[in-house]
Amino acid sequence: MGKKTGGFLLGAFIGSVAAATTALLFAPKSGKELREDLAVKADELKEQLSDYVDISIEKGVELSEVALNATEDIRVNLKDSASQFKDTVKKSATNLKEEVSQTVSKVQDTFSAKKEEAEEVVAELKEEVK
């Protein structure tokens, strides 16, 4: 039950109590009749209040069920999203590992080639010096 509905029901209840009390007090009746009428009206109002309480309980149960279902849906969606994110990160990590491995191999090959060239140059210089 929303704020507006709850406020309306409370206002309607208070208004009906005030109207019934006013009508009974200003009616030309004896004390005994007035007390009987007040008792009847009080019983009617108790029944109305009981009905409003039952409606409020039903709405509360409905809202709690909706909240539980929504929470479960959110949990499932988060679990799925986390699983997808995990898979994406795993794939990215594998790709990155492969790229790093390839880059390291290229650097090692380049370093080895340059080292061989440097050794050849050093050997040639040694021969020229002799």
Protein backbone atom coordinates (compact mmCIF):
# COMPACT_ATOMS: atom_id res chain seq x y z
CA MET A 1 0.00 0.00 0.00
CA GLY A 2 1.44 3.36 -1.00
CA LYS A 3 1.67 6.48 1.12
CA LYS A 4 -1.35 8.03 -0.59
CA THR A 5 -3.55 4.94 -0.16
CA GLY A 6 -2.56 4.52 3.50
CA GLY A 7 -3.18 8.20 4.18
CA PHE A 8 -6.53 8.05 2.42
CA LEU A 9 -7.63 5.00 4.40
CA LEU A 10 -6.57 6.57 7.68
CA GLY A 11 -8.37 9.80 6.77
CA ALA A 12 -11.49 7.91 5.76
CA PHE A 13 -11.45 6.00 9.04
CA ILE A 14 -10.97 9.13 11.15
CA GLY A 15 -13.64 10.95 9.14
CA SER A 16 -16.15 8.16 9.56
CA VAL A 17 -15.50 8.03 13.32
CA ALA A 18 -15.96 11.79 13.61
CA ALA A 19 -19.12 11.76 11.47
CA ALA A 20 -20.66 8.85 13.36
CA THR A 21 -19.88 10.39 16.73
CA THR A 22 -21.27 13.77 15.70
CA ALA A 23 -24.43 12.24 14.25
CA LEU A 24 -25.05 10.17 17.36
CA LEU A 25 -24.40 12.99 19.79
CA PHE A 26 -26.72 15.42 18.05
CA ALA A 27 -29.52 12.93 17.44
CA PRO A 28 -32.52 13.36 19.78
CA LYS A 29 -32.32 10.06 21.63
CA SER A 30 -32.34 8.89 25.20
CA GLY A 31 -29.11 7.98 26.97
CA LYS A 32 -29.76 4.28 26.68
CA GLU A 33 -30.48 4.50 22.95
CA LEU A 34 -27.43 6.70 22.45
CA ARG A 35 -25.18 4.21 24.28
CA GLU A 36 -26.59 1.35 22.20
CA ASP A 37 -26.05 3.29 18.98
CA LEU A 38 -22.51 4.18 20.08
CA ALA A 39 -21.80 0.51 20.83
CA VAL A 40 -23.15 -0.53 17.41
CA LYS A 41 -21.08 2.13 15.66
CA ALA A 42 -18.00 1.16 17.68
CA ASP A 43 -18.47 -2.47 16.59
CA GLU A 44 -18.86 -1.40 12.97
CA LEU A 45 -15.73 0.71 13.18
CA LYS A 46 -13.81 -2.15 14.80
CA GLU A 47 -14.85 -4.37 11.88
CA GLN A 48 -13.75 -1.73 9.38
CA LEU A 49 -10.45 -1.33 11.18
CA SER A 50 -10.03 -5.11 11.22
CA ASP A 51 -10.68 -5.17 7.46
CA TYR A 52 -8.07 -2.44 6.94
CA VAL A 53 -5.59 -4.37 9.07
CA ASP A 54 -6.22 -7.53 7.02
CA ILE A 55 -5.77 -5.60 3.78
CA SER A 56 -2.56 -4.06 5.10
CA ILE A 57 -1.24 -7.50 6.10
CA GLU A 58 -2.09 -8.92 2.67
CA LYS A 59 -0.39 -6.01 0.92
CA GLY A 60 2.63 -6.41 3.19
CA VAL A 61 2.89 -10.10 2.33
CA GLU A 62 2.55 -9.29 -1.38
CA LEU A 63 5.23 -6.64 -1.15
CA SER A 64 7.58 -8.95 0.73
CA GLU A 65 7.09 -11.64 -1.94
CA VAL A 66 7.78 -9.10 -4.68
CA ALA A 67 10.89 -7.96 -2.84
CA LEU A 68 12.10 -11.55 -2.40
CA ASN A 69 11.53 -12.30 -6.08
CA ALA A 70 13.28 -9.11 -7.14
CA THR A 71 16.19 -9.87 -4.83
CA GLU A 72 16.49 -13.38 -6.27
CA ASP A 73 16.40 -12.00 -9.82
CA ILE A 74 19.09 -9.48 -8.97
CA ARG A 75 21.23 -12.19 -7.36
CA VAL A 76 20.93 -14.43 -10.44
CA ASN A 77 21.74 -11.53 -12.76
CA LEU A 78 24.76 -10.55 -10.70
CA LYS A 79 25.97 -14.14 -10.66
CA ASP A 80 25.64 -14.37 -14.44
CA SER A 81 27.39 -11.03 -14.91
CA ALA A 82 30.21 -12.06 -12.61
CA SER A 83 30.63 -15.32 -14.52
CA GLN A 84 30.73 -13.48 -17.85
CA PHE A 85 33.21 -10.96 -16.45
CA LYS A 86 35.39 -13.79 -15.14
CA ASP A 87 35.39 -15.47 -18.57
CA THR A 88 36.25 -12.18 -20.28
CA VAL A 89 39.12 -11.50 -17.89
CA LYS A 90 40.39 -15.07 -18.32
CA LYS A 91 40.39 -14.73 -22.12
CA SER A 92 42.08 -11.34 -21.92
CA ALA A 93 44.72 -12.73 -19.56
CA THR A 94 45.39 -15.65 -21.91
CA ASN A 95 45.68 -13.30 -24.90
CA LEU A 96 47.96 -10.98 -22.97
CA LYS A 97 50.14 -13.88 -21.88
CA GLU A 98 50.50 -15.01 -25.49
CA GLU A 99 51.35 -11.48 -26.64
CA VAL A 100 53.95 -11.07 -23.90
CA SER A 101 55.44 -14.46 -24.78
CA GLN A 102 55.65 -13.49 -28.45
CA THR A 103 57.20 -10.12 -27.59
CA VAL A 104 59.77 -11.75 -25.30
CA SER A 105 60.67 -14.22 -28.08
CA LYS A 106 61.07 -11.37 -30.58
CA VAL A 107 63.26 -9.42 -28.15
CA GLN A 108 65.38 -12.51 -27.46
CA ASP A 109 65.77 -13.19 -31.19
CA THR A 110 66.68 -9.57 -31.85
CA PHE A 111 69.10 -9.55 -28.91
CA SER A 112 70.73 -12.81 -30.12
CA ALA A 113 71.07 -11.46 -33.67
CA LYS A 114 72.61 -8.21 -32.43
CA LYS A 115 74.90 -10.15 -30.09
CA GLU A 116 76.13 -12.29 -32.98
CA GLU A 117 76.68 -9.19 -35.09
CA ALA A 118 78.58 -7.58 -32.23
CA GLU A 119 80.73 -10.69 -31.78
CA GLU A 120 81.51 -10.72 -35.51
CA VAL A 121 82.48 -7.06 -35.40
CA VAL A 122 84.70 -7.68 -32.36
CA ALA A 123 86.31 -10.66 -34.10
CA GLU A 124 86.95 -8.60 -37.23
CA LEU A 125 88.46 -5.80 -35.16
CA LYS A 126 90.71 -8.25 -33.36
CA GLU A 127 91.93 -9.61 -36.66
CA GLU A 128 92.59 -6.14 -38.01
CA VAL A 129 94.49 -5.27 -34.85
CA LYS A 130 96.76 -8.37 -35.19
